mmCIF file of all heavy atoms, coordinates in Angstrom:
data_MODEL
# 
_entry.id   MODEL 
# 
loop_
_atom_site.group_PDB 
_atom_site.id 
_atom_site.type_symbol 
_atom_site.label_atom_id 
_atom_site.label_alt_id 
_atom_site.label_comp_id 
_atom_site.label_asym_id 
_atom_site.label_entity_id 
_atom_site.label_seq_id 
_atom_site.pdbx_PDB_ins_code 
_atom_site.Cartn_x 
_atom_site.Cartn_y 
_atom_site.Cartn_z 
_atom_site.occupancy 
_atom_site.B_iso_or_equiv 
_atom_site.pdbx_formal_charge 
_atom_site.auth_seq_id 
_atom_site.auth_comp_id 
_atom_site.auth_asym_id 
_atom_site.auth_atom_id 
_atom_site.pdbx_PDB_model_num 
ATOM 1   N N   . LYS A 1 1  ? -6.957  21.780 -6.674  1.00 0.00 ? 1  LYS A N   1 
ATOM 2   C CA  . LYS A 1 1  ? -8.214  21.166 -7.097  1.00 0.00 ? 1  LYS A CA  1 
ATOM 3   C C   . LYS A 1 1  ? -8.087  19.678 -7.415  1.00 0.00 ? 1  LYS A C   1 
ATOM 4   O O   . LYS A 1 1  ? -9.053  18.925 -7.275  1.00 0.00 ? 1  LYS A O   1 
ATOM 5   C CB  . LYS A 1 1  ? -8.764  21.888 -8.331  1.00 0.00 ? 1  LYS A CB  1 
ATOM 6   C CG  . LYS A 1 1  ? -9.107  23.351 -8.096  1.00 0.00 ? 1  LYS A CG  1 
ATOM 7   C CD  . LYS A 1 1  ? -9.635  23.995 -9.368  1.00 0.00 ? 1  LYS A CD  1 
ATOM 8   C CE  . LYS A 1 1  ? -9.985  25.464 -9.135  1.00 0.00 ? 1  LYS A CE  1 
ATOM 9   N NZ  . LYS A 1 1  ? -10.488 26.116 -10.379 1.00 0.00 ? 1  LYS A NZ  1 
ATOM 10  N N   . ARG A 1 2  ? -6.912  19.259 -7.863  1.00 0.00 ? 2  ARG A N   1 
ATOM 11  C CA  . ARG A 1 2  ? -6.761  17.877 -8.333  1.00 0.00 ? 2  ARG A CA  1 
ATOM 12  C C   . ARG A 1 2  ? -5.376  17.350 -7.963  1.00 0.00 ? 2  ARG A C   1 
ATOM 13  O O   . ARG A 1 2  ? -4.368  18.021 -8.193  1.00 0.00 ? 2  ARG A O   1 
ATOM 14  C CB  . ARG A 1 2  ? -6.941  17.846 -9.849  1.00 0.00 ? 2  ARG A CB  1 
ATOM 15  C CG  . ARG A 1 2  ? -6.780  16.481 -10.516 1.00 0.00 ? 2  ARG A CG  1 
ATOM 16  C CD  . ARG A 1 2  ? -7.129  16.625 -11.999 1.00 0.00 ? 2  ARG A CD  1 
ATOM 17  N NE  . ARG A 1 2  ? -6.704  15.492 -12.794 1.00 0.00 ? 2  ARG A NE  1 
ATOM 18  C CZ  . ARG A 1 2  ? -7.386  14.361 -12.945 1.00 0.00 ? 2  ARG A CZ  1 
ATOM 19  N NH1 . ARG A 1 2  ? -8.552  14.225 -12.312 1.00 0.00 ? 2  ARG A NH1 1 
ATOM 20  N NH2 . ARG A 1 2  ? -6.944  13.381 -13.707 1.00 0.00 ? 2  ARG A NH2 1 
ATOM 21  N N   . ILE A 1 3  ? -5.346  16.160 -7.368  1.00 0.00 ? 3  ILE A N   1 
ATOM 22  C CA  . ILE A 1 3  ? -4.065  15.555 -6.991  1.00 0.00 ? 3  ILE A CA  1 
ATOM 23  C C   . ILE A 1 3  ? -3.944  14.157 -7.599  1.00 0.00 ? 3  ILE A C   1 
ATOM 24  O O   . ILE A 1 3  ? -4.942  13.540 -7.982  1.00 0.00 ? 3  ILE A O   1 
ATOM 25  C CB  . ILE A 1 3  ? -3.883  15.466 -5.464  1.00 0.00 ? 3  ILE A CB  1 
ATOM 26  C CG1 . ILE A 1 3  ? -4.880  14.487 -4.844  1.00 0.00 ? 3  ILE A CG1 1 
ATOM 27  C CG2 . ILE A 1 3  ? -3.972  16.843 -4.826  1.00 0.00 ? 3  ILE A CG2 1 
ATOM 28  C CD1 . ILE A 1 3  ? -4.596  14.149 -3.394  1.00 0.00 ? 3  ILE A CD1 1 
ATOM 29  N N   . GLY A 1 4  ? -2.709  13.674 -7.676  1.00 0.00 ? 4  GLY A N   1 
ATOM 30  C CA  . GLY A 1 4  ? -2.451  12.320 -8.131  1.00 0.00 ? 4  GLY A CA  1 
ATOM 31  C C   . GLY A 1 4  ? -1.839  11.498 -7.013  1.00 0.00 ? 4  GLY A C   1 
ATOM 32  O O   . GLY A 1 4  ? -1.216  12.040 -6.093  1.00 0.00 ? 4  GLY A O   1 
ATOM 33  N N   . ILE A 1 5  ? -2.036  10.184 -7.085  1.00 0.00 ? 5  ILE A N   1 
ATOM 34  C CA  . ILE A 1 5  ? -1.455  9.262  -6.108  1.00 0.00 ? 5  ILE A CA  1 
ATOM 35  C C   . ILE A 1 5  ? -0.802  8.127  -6.886  1.00 0.00 ? 5  ILE A C   1 
ATOM 36  O O   . ILE A 1 5  ? -1.399  7.586  -7.822  1.00 0.00 ? 5  ILE A O   1 
ATOM 37  C CB  . ILE A 1 5  ? -2.516  8.673  -5.159  1.00 0.00 ? 5  ILE A CB  1 
ATOM 38  C CG1 . ILE A 1 5  ? -3.255  9.780  -4.404  1.00 0.00 ? 5  ILE A CG1 1 
ATOM 39  C CG2 . ILE A 1 5  ? -1.881  7.700  -4.167  1.00 0.00 ? 5  ILE A CG2 1 
ATOM 40  C CD1 . ILE A 1 5  ? -4.419  9.279  -3.562  1.00 0.00 ? 5  ILE A CD1 1 
ATOM 41  N N   . LEU A 1 6  ? 0.428   7.769  -6.503  1.00 0.00 ? 6  LEU A N   1 
ATOM 42  C CA  . LEU A 1 6  ? 1.069   6.612  -7.129  1.00 0.00 ? 6  LEU A CA  1 
ATOM 43  C C   . LEU A 1 6  ? 1.824   5.800  -6.095  1.00 0.00 ? 6  LEU A C   1 
ATOM 44  O O   . LEU A 1 6  ? 2.199   6.296  -5.028  1.00 0.00 ? 6  LEU A O   1 
ATOM 45  C CB  . LEU A 1 6  ? 1.989   7.034  -8.280  1.00 0.00 ? 6  LEU A CB  1 
ATOM 46  C CG  . LEU A 1 6  ? 3.246   7.873  -8.007  1.00 0.00 ? 6  LEU A CG  1 
ATOM 47  C CD1 . LEU A 1 6  ? 4.416   7.055  -7.467  1.00 0.00 ? 6  LEU A CD1 1 
ATOM 48  C CD2 . LEU A 1 6  ? 3.688   8.580  -9.279  1.00 0.00 ? 6  LEU A CD2 1 
ATOM 49  N N   . THR A 1 7  ? 2.022   4.520  -6.409  1.00 0.00 ? 7  THR A N   1 
ATOM 50  C CA  . THR A 1 7  ? 2.855   3.641  -5.596  1.00 0.00 ? 7  THR A CA  1 
ATOM 51  C C   . THR A 1 7  ? 4.012   3.176  -6.473  1.00 0.00 ? 7  THR A C   1 
ATOM 52  O O   . THR A 1 7  ? 3.826   2.847  -7.640  1.00 0.00 ? 7  THR A O   1 
ATOM 53  C CB  . THR A 1 7  ? 2.064   2.418  -5.082  1.00 0.00 ? 7  THR A CB  1 
ATOM 54  O OG1 . THR A 1 7  ? 1.390   1.780  -6.176  1.00 0.00 ? 7  THR A OG1 1 
ATOM 55  C CG2 . THR A 1 7  ? 1.027   2.850  -4.063  1.00 0.00 ? 7  THR A CG2 1 
ATOM 56  N N   . SER A 1 8  ? 5.211   3.161  -5.899  1.00 0.00 ? 8  SER A N   1 
ATOM 57  C CA  . SER A 1 8  ? 6.401   2.874  -6.697  1.00 0.00 ? 8  SER A CA  1 
ATOM 58  C C   . SER A 1 8  ? 7.333   1.937  -5.947  1.00 0.00 ? 8  SER A C   1 
ATOM 59  O O   . SER A 1 8  ? 7.322   1.886  -4.711  1.00 0.00 ? 8  SER A O   1 
ATOM 60  C CB  . SER A 1 8  ? 7.124   4.183  -7.026  1.00 0.00 ? 8  SER A CB  1 
ATOM 61  O OG  . SER A 1 8  ? 8.344   3.954  -7.698  1.00 0.00 ? 8  SER A OG  1 
ATOM 62  N N   . GLY A 1 9  ? 8.150   1.192  -6.689  1.00 0.00 ? 9  GLY A N   1 
ATOM 63  C CA  . GLY A 1 9  ? 9.097   0.269  -6.071  1.00 0.00 ? 9  GLY A CA  1 
ATOM 64  C C   . GLY A 1 9  ? 8.405   -0.985 -5.586  1.00 0.00 ? 9  GLY A C   1 
ATOM 65  O O   . GLY A 1 9  ? 7.390   -1.418 -6.131  1.00 0.00 ? 9  GLY A O   1 
ATOM 66  N N   . GLY A 1 10 ? 8.940   -1.585 -4.540  1.00 0.00 ? 10 GLY A N   1 
ATOM 67  C CA  . GLY A 1 10 ? 8.352   -2.813 -4.005  1.00 0.00 ? 10 GLY A CA  1 
ATOM 68  C C   . GLY A 1 10 ? 7.019   -2.561 -3.339  1.00 0.00 ? 10 GLY A C   1 
ATOM 69  O O   . GLY A 1 10 ? 6.844   -1.566 -2.627  1.00 0.00 ? 10 GLY A O   1 
ATOM 70  N N   . ASP A 1 11 ? 6.059   -3.455 -3.561  1.00 0.00 ? 11 ASP A N   1 
ATOM 71  C CA  . ASP A 1 11 ? 4.768   -3.315 -2.887  1.00 0.00 ? 11 ASP A CA  1 
ATOM 72  C C   . ASP A 1 11 ? 4.925   -3.633 -1.408  1.00 0.00 ? 11 ASP A C   1 
ATOM 73  O O   . ASP A 1 11 ? 5.846   -4.348 -1.003  1.00 0.00 ? 11 ASP A O   1 
ATOM 74  C CB  . ASP A 1 11 ? 3.726   -4.235 -3.519  1.00 0.00 ? 11 ASP A CB  1 
ATOM 75  C CG  . ASP A 1 11 ? 4.115   -5.703 -3.422  1.00 0.00 ? 11 ASP A CG  1 
ATOM 76  O OD1 . ASP A 1 11 ? 5.165   -6.068 -3.976  1.00 0.00 ? 11 ASP A OD1 1 
ATOM 77  O OD2 . ASP A 1 11 ? 3.384   -6.483 -2.779  1.00 0.00 ? 11 ASP A OD2 1 
ATOM 78  N N   . ALA A 1 12 ? 4.029   -3.102 -0.595  1.00 0.00 ? 12 ALA A N   1 
ATOM 79  C CA  . ALA A 1 12 ? 4.084   -3.315 0.844   1.00 0.00 ? 12 ALA A CA  1 
ATOM 80  C C   . ALA A 1 12 ? 2.668   -3.357 1.399   1.00 0.00 ? 12 ALA A C   1 
ATOM 81  O O   . ALA A 1 12 ? 1.842   -2.507 1.037   1.00 0.00 ? 12 ALA A O   1 
ATOM 82  C CB  . ALA A 1 12 ? 4.880   -2.201 1.527   1.00 0.00 ? 12 ALA A CB  1 
ATOM 83  N N   . PRO A 1 13 ? 2.347   -4.330 2.260   1.00 0.00 ? 13 PRO A N   1 
ATOM 84  C CA  . PRO A 1 13 ? 1.011   -4.397 2.855   1.00 0.00 ? 13 PRO A CA  1 
ATOM 85  C C   . PRO A 1 13 ? 0.695   -3.114 3.620   1.00 0.00 ? 13 PRO A C   1 
ATOM 86  O O   . PRO A 1 13 ? 1.512   -2.643 4.416   1.00 0.00 ? 13 PRO A O   1 
ATOM 87  C CB  . PRO A 1 13 ? 1.108   -5.593 3.811   1.00 0.00 ? 13 PRO A CB  1 
ATOM 88  C CG  . PRO A 1 13 ? 2.254   -6.397 3.309   1.00 0.00 ? 13 PRO A CG  1 
ATOM 89  C CD  . PRO A 1 13 ? 3.221   -5.422 2.738   1.00 0.00 ? 13 PRO A CD  1 
ATOM 90  N N   . GLY A 1 14 ? -0.449  -2.543 3.360   1.00 0.00 ? 14 GLY A N   1 
ATOM 91  C CA  . GLY A 1 14 ? -0.840  -1.275 3.978   1.00 0.00 ? 14 GLY A CA  1 
ATOM 92  C C   . GLY A 1 14 ? -0.859  -0.138 2.980   1.00 0.00 ? 14 GLY A C   1 
ATOM 93  O O   . GLY A 1 14 ? -1.377  0.947  3.272   1.00 0.00 ? 14 GLY A O   1 
ATOM 94  N N   . MET A 1 15 ? -0.293  -0.354 1.780   1.00 0.00 ? 15 MET A N   1 
ATOM 95  C CA  . MET A 1 15 ? -0.337  0.684  0.757   1.00 0.00 ? 15 MET A CA  1 
ATOM 96  C C   . MET A 1 15 ? -1.784  1.025  0.375   1.00 0.00 ? 15 MET A C   1 
ATOM 97  O O   . MET A 1 15 ? -2.117  2.190  0.150   1.00 0.00 ? 15 MET A O   1 
ATOM 98  C CB  . MET A 1 15 ? 0.446   0.249  -0.484  1.00 0.00 ? 15 MET A CB  1 
ATOM 99  C CG  . MET A 1 15 ? 1.956   0.403  -0.359  1.00 0.00 ? 15 MET A CG  1 
ATOM 100 S SD  . MET A 1 15 ? 2.807   -0.029 -1.895  1.00 0.00 ? 15 MET A SD  1 
ATOM 101 C CE  . MET A 1 15 ? 4.450   0.647  -1.569  1.00 0.00 ? 15 MET A CE  1 
ATOM 102 N N   . ASN A 1 16 ? -2.633  -0.003 0.319   1.00 0.00 ? 16 ASN A N   1 
ATOM 103 C CA  . ASN A 1 16 ? -4.027  0.265  -0.046  1.00 0.00 ? 16 ASN A CA  1 
ATOM 104 C C   . ASN A 1 16 ? -4.753  1.053  1.039   1.00 0.00 ? 16 ASN A C   1 
ATOM 105 O O   . ASN A 1 16 ? -5.612  1.885  0.737   1.00 0.00 ? 16 ASN A O   1 
ATOM 106 C CB  . ASN A 1 16 ? -4.752  -1.052 -0.329  1.00 0.00 ? 16 ASN A CB  1 
ATOM 107 C CG  . ASN A 1 16 ? -4.279  -1.682 -1.628  1.00 0.00 ? 16 ASN A CG  1 
ATOM 108 O OD1 . ASN A 1 16 ? -3.992  -0.983 -2.594  1.00 0.00 ? 16 ASN A OD1 1 
ATOM 109 N ND2 . ASN A 1 16 ? -4.191  -3.001 -1.652  1.00 0.00 ? 16 ASN A ND2 1 
ATOM 110 N N   . ALA A 1 17 ? -4.409  0.797  2.291   1.00 0.00 ? 17 ALA A N   1 
ATOM 111 C CA  . ALA A 1 17 ? -4.980  1.597  3.379   1.00 0.00 ? 17 ALA A CA  1 
ATOM 112 C C   . ALA A 1 17 ? -4.577  3.059  3.226   1.00 0.00 ? 17 ALA A C   1 
ATOM 113 O O   . ALA A 1 17 ? -5.364  3.970  3.488   1.00 0.00 ? 17 ALA A O   1 
ATOM 114 C CB  . ALA A 1 17 ? -4.520  1.056  4.731   1.00 0.00 ? 17 ALA A CB  1 
ATOM 115 N N   . CYS A 1 18 ? -3.325  3.278  2.787   1.00 0.00 ? 18 CYS A N   1 
ATOM 116 C CA  . CYS A 1 18 ? -2.821  4.639  2.584   1.00 0.00 ? 18 CYS A CA  1 
ATOM 117 C C   . CYS A 1 18 ? -3.529  5.312  1.407   1.00 0.00 ? 18 CYS A C   1 
ATOM 118 O O   . CYS A 1 18 ? -3.935  6.477  1.501   1.00 0.00 ? 18 CYS A O   1 
ATOM 119 C CB  . CYS A 1 18 ? -1.317  4.592  2.343   1.00 0.00 ? 18 CYS A CB  1 
ATOM 120 S SG  . CYS A 1 18 ? -0.544  6.210  2.227   1.00 0.00 ? 18 CYS A SG  1 
ATOM 121 N N   . ILE A 1 19 ? -3.675  4.583  0.302   1.00 0.00 ? 19 ILE A N   1 
ATOM 122 C CA  . ILE A 1 19 ? -4.390  5.124  -0.863  1.00 0.00 ? 19 ILE A CA  1 
ATOM 123 C C   . ILE A 1 19 ? -5.819  5.501  -0.468  1.00 0.00 ? 19 ILE A C   1 
ATOM 124 O O   . ILE A 1 19 ? -6.304  6.593  -0.780  1.00 0.00 ? 19 ILE A O   1 
ATOM 125 C CB  . ILE A 1 19 ? -4.413  4.088  -2.004  1.00 0.00 ? 19 ILE A CB  1 
ATOM 126 C CG1 . ILE A 1 19 ? -3.003  3.838  -2.535  1.00 0.00 ? 19 ILE A CG1 1 
ATOM 127 C CG2 . ILE A 1 19 ? -5.334  4.554  -3.143  1.00 0.00 ? 19 ILE A CG2 1 
ATOM 128 C CD1 . ILE A 1 19 ? -2.904  2.612  -3.438  1.00 0.00 ? 19 ILE A CD1 1 
ATOM 129 N N   . ARG A 1 20 ? -6.482  4.588  0.223   1.00 0.00 ? 20 ARG A N   1 
ATOM 130 C CA  . ARG A 1 20 ? -7.863  4.827  0.666   1.00 0.00 ? 20 ARG A CA  1 
ATOM 131 C C   . ARG A 1 20 ? -7.971  6.080  1.520   1.00 0.00 ? 20 ARG A C   1 
ATOM 132 O O   . ARG A 1 20 ? -8.853  6.925  1.316   1.00 0.00 ? 20 ARG A O   1 
ATOM 133 C CB  . ARG A 1 20 ? -8.346  3.600  1.442   1.00 0.00 ? 20 ARG A CB  1 
ATOM 134 C CG  . ARG A 1 20 ? -9.685  3.743  2.144   1.00 0.00 ? 20 ARG A CG  1 
ATOM 135 C CD  . ARG A 1 20 ? -9.976  2.438  2.902   1.00 0.00 ? 20 ARG A CD  1 
ATOM 136 N NE  . ARG A 1 20 ? -11.204 2.513  3.665   1.00 0.00 ? 20 ARG A NE  1 
ATOM 137 C CZ  . ARG A 1 20 ? -11.304 2.945  4.916   1.00 0.00 ? 20 ARG A CZ  1 
ATOM 138 N NH1 . ARG A 1 20 ? -10.187 3.381  5.549   1.00 0.00 ? 20 ARG A NH1 1 
ATOM 139 N NH2 . ARG A 1 20 ? -12.450 2.966  5.553   1.00 0.00 ? 20 ARG A NH2 1 
ATOM 140 N N   . ALA A 1 21 ? -7.060  6.220  2.481   1.00 0.00 ? 21 ALA A N   1 
ATOM 141 C CA  . ALA A 1 21 ? -7.095  7.374  3.381   1.00 0.00 ? 21 ALA A CA  1 
ATOM 142 C C   . ALA A 1 21 ? -6.827  8.668  2.627   1.00 0.00 ? 21 ALA A C   1 
ATOM 143 O O   . ALA A 1 21 ? -7.478  9.697  2.876   1.00 0.00 ? 21 ALA A O   1 
ATOM 144 C CB  . ALA A 1 21 ? -6.072  7.196  4.496   1.00 0.00 ? 21 ALA A CB  1 
ATOM 145 N N   . ALA A 1 22 ? -5.874  8.631  1.696   1.00 0.00 ? 22 ALA A N   1 
ATOM 146 C CA  . ALA A 1 22 ? -5.552  9.831  0.918   1.00 0.00 ? 22 ALA A CA  1 
ATOM 147 C C   . ALA A 1 22 ? -6.733  10.247 0.046   1.00 0.00 ? 22 ALA A C   1 
ATOM 148 O O   . ALA A 1 22 ? -7.055  11.439 -0.051  1.00 0.00 ? 22 ALA A O   1 
ATOM 149 C CB  . ALA A 1 22 ? -4.320  9.576  0.056   1.00 0.00 ? 22 ALA A CB  1 
ATOM 150 N N   . VAL A 1 23 ? -7.382  9.281  -0.579  1.00 0.00 ? 23 VAL A N   1 
ATOM 151 C CA  . VAL A 1 23 ? -8.543  9.592  -1.432  1.00 0.00 ? 23 VAL A CA  1 
ATOM 152 C C   . VAL A 1 23 ? -9.670  10.187 -0.603  1.00 0.00 ? 23 VAL A C   1 
ATOM 153 O O   . VAL A 1 23 ? -10.262 11.206 -0.976  1.00 0.00 ? 23 VAL A O   1 
ATOM 154 C CB  . VAL A 1 23 ? -9.020  8.328  -2.171  1.00 0.00 ? 23 VAL A CB  1 
ATOM 155 C CG1 . VAL A 1 23 ? -10.364 8.580  -2.862  1.00 0.00 ? 23 VAL A CG1 1 
ATOM 156 C CG2 . VAL A 1 23 ? -7.986  7.873  -3.194  1.00 0.00 ? 23 VAL A CG2 1 
ATOM 157 N N   . ARG A 1 24 ? -9.970  9.575  0.514   1.00 0.00 ? 24 ARG A N   1 
ATOM 158 C CA  . ARG A 1 24 ? -11.078 10.074 1.348   1.00 0.00 ? 24 ARG A CA  1 
ATOM 159 C C   . ARG A 1 24 ? -10.781 11.465 1.899   1.00 0.00 ? 24 ARG A C   1 
ATOM 160 O O   . ARG A 1 24 ? -11.675 12.304 1.998   1.00 0.00 ? 24 ARG A O   1 
ATOM 161 C CB  . ARG A 1 24 ? -11.373 9.081  2.478   1.00 0.00 ? 24 ARG A CB  1 
ATOM 162 C CG  . ARG A 1 24 ? -11.987 7.797  1.966   1.00 0.00 ? 24 ARG A CG  1 
ATOM 163 C CD  . ARG A 1 24 ? -12.662 7.006  3.052   1.00 0.00 ? 24 ARG A CD  1 
ATOM 164 N NE  . ARG A 1 24 ? -13.477 5.937  2.476   1.00 0.00 ? 24 ARG A NE  1 
ATOM 165 C CZ  . ARG A 1 24 ? -14.329 5.199  3.161   1.00 0.00 ? 24 ARG A CZ  1 
ATOM 166 N NH1 . ARG A 1 24 ? -14.502 5.420  4.460   1.00 0.00 ? 24 ARG A NH1 1 
ATOM 167 N NH2 . ARG A 1 24 ? -15.031 4.253  2.577   1.00 0.00 ? 24 ARG A NH2 1 
ATOM 168 N N   . THR A 1 25 ? -9.533  11.712 2.248   1.00 0.00 ? 25 THR A N   1 
ATOM 169 C CA  . THR A 1 25 ? -9.165  13.045 2.734   1.00 0.00 ? 25 THR A CA  1 
ATOM 170 C C   . THR A 1 25 ? -9.276  14.078 1.623   1.00 0.00 ? 25 THR A C   1 
ATOM 171 O O   . THR A 1 25 ? -9.757  15.196 1.840   1.00 0.00 ? 25 THR A O   1 
ATOM 172 C CB  . THR A 1 25 ? -7.726  13.032 3.283   1.00 0.00 ? 25 THR A CB  1 
ATOM 173 O OG1 . THR A 1 25 ? -7.605  12.017 4.277   1.00 0.00 ? 25 THR A OG1 1 
ATOM 174 C CG2 . THR A 1 25 ? -7.364  14.375 3.904   1.00 0.00 ? 25 THR A CG2 1 
ATOM 175 N N   . ALA A 1 26 ? -8.842  13.701 0.435   1.00 0.00 ? 26 ALA A N   1 
ATOM 176 C CA  . ALA A 1 26 ? -8.950  14.611 -0.716  1.00 0.00 ? 26 ALA A CA  1 
ATOM 177 C C   . ALA A 1 26 ? -10.405 14.927 -1.021  1.00 0.00 ? 26 ALA A C   1 
ATOM 178 O O   . ALA A 1 26 ? -10.772 16.101 -1.222  1.00 0.00 ? 26 ALA A O   1 
ATOM 179 C CB  . ALA A 1 26 ? -8.269  13.986 -1.930  1.00 0.00 ? 26 ALA A CB  1 
ATOM 180 N N   . LEU A 1 27 ? -11.243 13.901 -1.055  1.00 0.00 ? 27 LEU A N   1 
ATOM 181 C CA  . LEU A 1 27 ? -12.654 14.115 -1.357  1.00 0.00 ? 27 LEU A CA  1 
ATOM 182 C C   . LEU A 1 27 ? -13.330 14.980 -0.287  1.00 0.00 ? 27 LEU A C   1 
ATOM 183 O O   . LEU A 1 27 ? -14.203 15.805 -0.593  1.00 0.00 ? 27 LEU A O   1 
ATOM 184 C CB  . LEU A 1 27 ? -13.375 12.772 -1.483  1.00 0.00 ? 27 LEU A CB  1 
ATOM 185 C CG  . LEU A 1 27 ? -12.924 11.870 -2.640  1.00 0.00 ? 27 LEU A CG  1 
ATOM 186 C CD1 . LEU A 1 27 ? -13.689 10.542 -2.610  1.00 0.00 ? 27 LEU A CD1 1 
ATOM 187 C CD2 . LEU A 1 27 ? -13.111 12.561 -3.983  1.00 0.00 ? 27 LEU A CD2 1 
# 
């Protein structure tokens, strides 16, 4: 029913695209 998403270590361009896709898929 409920998931978490986190980013860890060095930031990398495209992480926000991944977060966005994961959220939309979850919803």
